[in-house]
Amino acid sequence: MSISERKQELKRRRQRRKKYDIFARKLVKATVTEKAVIADKLRRMTPGCEVLIEAWDLIKKR
């Protein structure tokens, strides 16, 4: 029997949260180039990425 859609979404959310924590740890020592790579990965990972990118100051506003 397959997993319900609700449980699948919860599993995906938990996995994204783990990835956010990993990225947050890496940002402490990240260079500008590494921050750009992390921002690209966030864009591919989640639809709400722009909020996170602004909160983590990955892209400087002009």
Protein backbone atom coordinates (compact mmCIF):
# COMPACT_ATOMS: atom_id res chain seq x y z
CA MET A 1 0.00 0.00 0.00
CA SER A 2 1.37 3.39 -0.90
CA ILE A 3 1.92 6.29 1.45
CA SER A 4 -0.80 8.92 1.57
CA GLU A 5 -0.21 12.27 -0.13
CA ARG A 6 -0.33 14.08 3.22
CA LYS A 7 2.40 11.88 4.68
CA GLN A 8 4.52 12.32 1.55
CA GLU A 9 4.28 16.09 1.85
CA LEU A 10 5.21 15.97 5.55
CA LYS A 11 8.22 13.82 4.70
CA ARG A 12 9.30 16.28 1.99
CA ARG A 13 8.92 19.21 4.42
CA ARG A 14 11.04 17.48 7.04
CA GLN A 15 13.74 16.73 4.49
CA ARG A 16 13.75 20.38 3.30
CA ARG A 17 14.07 21.54 6.90
CA LYS A 18 17.14 19.34 7.37
CA LYS A 19 18.65 20.82 4.20
CA TYR A 20 17.94 24.37 5.44
CA ASP A 21 19.84 23.59 8.63
CA ILE A 22 22.80 22.25 6.65
CA PHE A 23 22.85 25.33 4.41
CA ALA A 24 22.60 27.65 7.42
CA ARG A 25 25.65 26.00 8.98
CA LYS A 26 27.64 26.28 5.75
CA LEU A 27 26.79 29.96 5.36
CA VAL A 28 28.84 30.91 8.41
CA LYS A 29 32.13 30.38 6.53
CA ALA A 30 30.86 30.67 2.95
CA THR A 31 32.47 32.93 0.38
CA VAL A 32 30.48 35.02 -2.09
CA THR A 33 30.65 32.29 -4.71
CA GLU A 34 29.53 29.62 -2.27
CA LYS A 35 26.61 31.81 -1.21
CA ALA A 36 25.53 32.09 -4.85
CA VAL A 37 25.65 28.30 -5.20
CA ILE A 38 23.55 27.86 -2.05
CA ALA A 39 21.04 30.42 -3.35
CA ASP A 40 20.73 28.45 -6.61
CA LYS A 41 20.17 25.22 -4.70
CA LEU A 42 17.47 26.89 -2.59
CA ARG A 43 15.71 28.12 -5.72
CA ARG A 44 15.54 24.58 -7.08
CA MET A 45 14.50 23.10 -3.76
CA THR A 46 11.53 25.17 -2.66
CA PRO A 47 8.93 27.60 -4.01
CA GLY A 48 9.37 29.95 -1.01
CA CYS A 49 13.06 30.43 -1.67
CA GLU A 50 13.11 34.21 -2.12
CA VAL A 51 12.01 34.73 1.48
CA LEU A 52 14.88 32.56 2.72
CA ILE A 53 17.40 34.19 0.39
CA GLU A 54 16.51 37.64 1.69
CA ALA A 55 16.46 36.49 5.32
CA TRP A 56 19.91 34.90 5.00
CA ASP A 57 21.34 37.87 3.02
CA LEU A 58 22.55 35.65 0.19
CA ILE A 59 21.91 38.24 -2.50
CA LYS A 60 22.78 41.84 -1.77
CA LYS A 61 20.15 44.38 -2.75
CA ARG A 62 21.24 47.22 -4.99
